Amino acid sequence: YTDKEEVVLWMNTVGPYHNRQETYKYFSLPFCVGTKKTISHYHETLGEALQGVELEFSGLDIKFK
């Protein structure tokens, strides 16, 4: 990363540490919603495609340094 470059934070699911089967979508919890609506780029990885993982953009505006 370079100074002030966008850092994209991806979300998957959230749930209790001791019960991995109980999961919720990040945005179903009110404190997880970010204000930013779009990102400059997105590249699905091979791992995401093979595992069927649906990552969602966090909406958090994060800049490097």
Protein backbone atom coordinates (compact mmCIF):
# COMPACT_ATOMS: atom_id res chain seq x y z
CA TYR A 1 0.00 0.00 0.00
CA THR A 2 0.99 3.62 -0.49
CA ASP A 3 0.03 6.58 1.69
CA LYS A 4 -3.72 7.33 1.60
CA GLU A 5 -4.46 4.33 -0.65
CA GLU A 6 -7.84 2.70 -0.06
CA VAL A 7 -7.77 -0.38 2.19
CA VAL A 8 -10.78 -2.61 1.56
CA LEU A 9 -12.17 -4.57 4.50
CA TRP A 10 -14.33 -7.59 3.62
CA MET A 11 -16.91 -9.23 5.85
CA ASN A 12 -18.10 -12.81 5.88
CA THR A 13 -20.16 -13.83 8.91
CA VAL A 14 -20.11 -13.23 12.64
CA GLY A 15 -21.08 -15.52 15.48
CA PRO A 16 -20.22 -16.76 18.95
CA TYR A 17 -16.66 -18.01 19.37
CA HIS A 18 -17.73 -21.22 21.14
CA ASN A 19 -20.58 -22.11 18.73
CA ARG A 20 -19.28 -22.02 15.15
CA GLN A 21 -22.60 -23.22 13.73
CA GLU A 22 -24.47 -20.11 14.90
CA THR A 23 -23.65 -17.42 12.36
CA TYR A 24 -25.22 -14.13 11.30
CA LYS A 25 -24.66 -11.83 8.34
CA TYR A 26 -22.51 -8.86 9.37
CA PHE A 27 -25.07 -6.30 8.30
CA SER A 28 -27.82 -7.85 10.43
CA LEU A 29 -26.00 -6.32 13.42
CA PRO A 30 -26.47 -2.53 13.71
CA PHE A 31 -22.92 -1.74 14.86
CA CYS A 32 -21.30 -3.32 11.78
CA VAL A 33 -22.68 -0.98 9.12
CA GLY A 34 -20.19 1.37 7.45
CA THR A 35 -21.03 4.61 5.65
CA LYS A 36 -19.19 4.05 2.37
CA LYS A 37 -21.30 2.49 -0.41
CA THR A 38 -18.81 1.64 -3.19
CA ILE A 39 -15.21 0.53 -3.64
CA SER A 40 -12.68 1.19 -6.37
CA HIS A 41 -11.99 -2.48 -7.15
CA TYR A 42 -13.01 -6.04 -6.35
CA HIS A 43 -11.37 -9.27 -7.45
CA GLU A 44 -12.89 -12.58 -6.37
CA THR A 45 -10.15 -15.03 -5.46
CA LEU A 46 -10.01 -18.67 -6.52
CA GLY A 47 -10.45 -19.70 -2.87
CA GLU A 48 -13.69 -17.72 -2.58
CA ALA A 49 -15.06 -19.30 -5.75
CA LEU A 50 -14.15 -22.87 -4.75
CA GLN A 51 -15.41 -22.55 -1.17
CA GLY A 52 -18.57 -20.68 -2.12
CA VAL A 53 -17.74 -17.86 0.28
CA GLU A 54 -19.70 -14.65 -0.27
CA LEU A 55 -17.66 -11.75 1.04
CA GLU A 56 -19.40 -8.40 1.46
CA PHE A 57 -17.80 -4.96 1.43
CA SER A 58 -17.75 -3.56 4.97
CA GLY A 59 -18.58 0.00 4.02
CA LEU A 60 -15.79 1.28 6.26
CA ASP A 61 -13.69 4.08 4.76
CA ILE A 62 -10.11 3.05 5.58
CA LYS A 63 -6.99 4.71 4.19
CA PHE A 64 -3.44 3.38 4.62
CA LYS A 65 -1.58 5.41 7.28
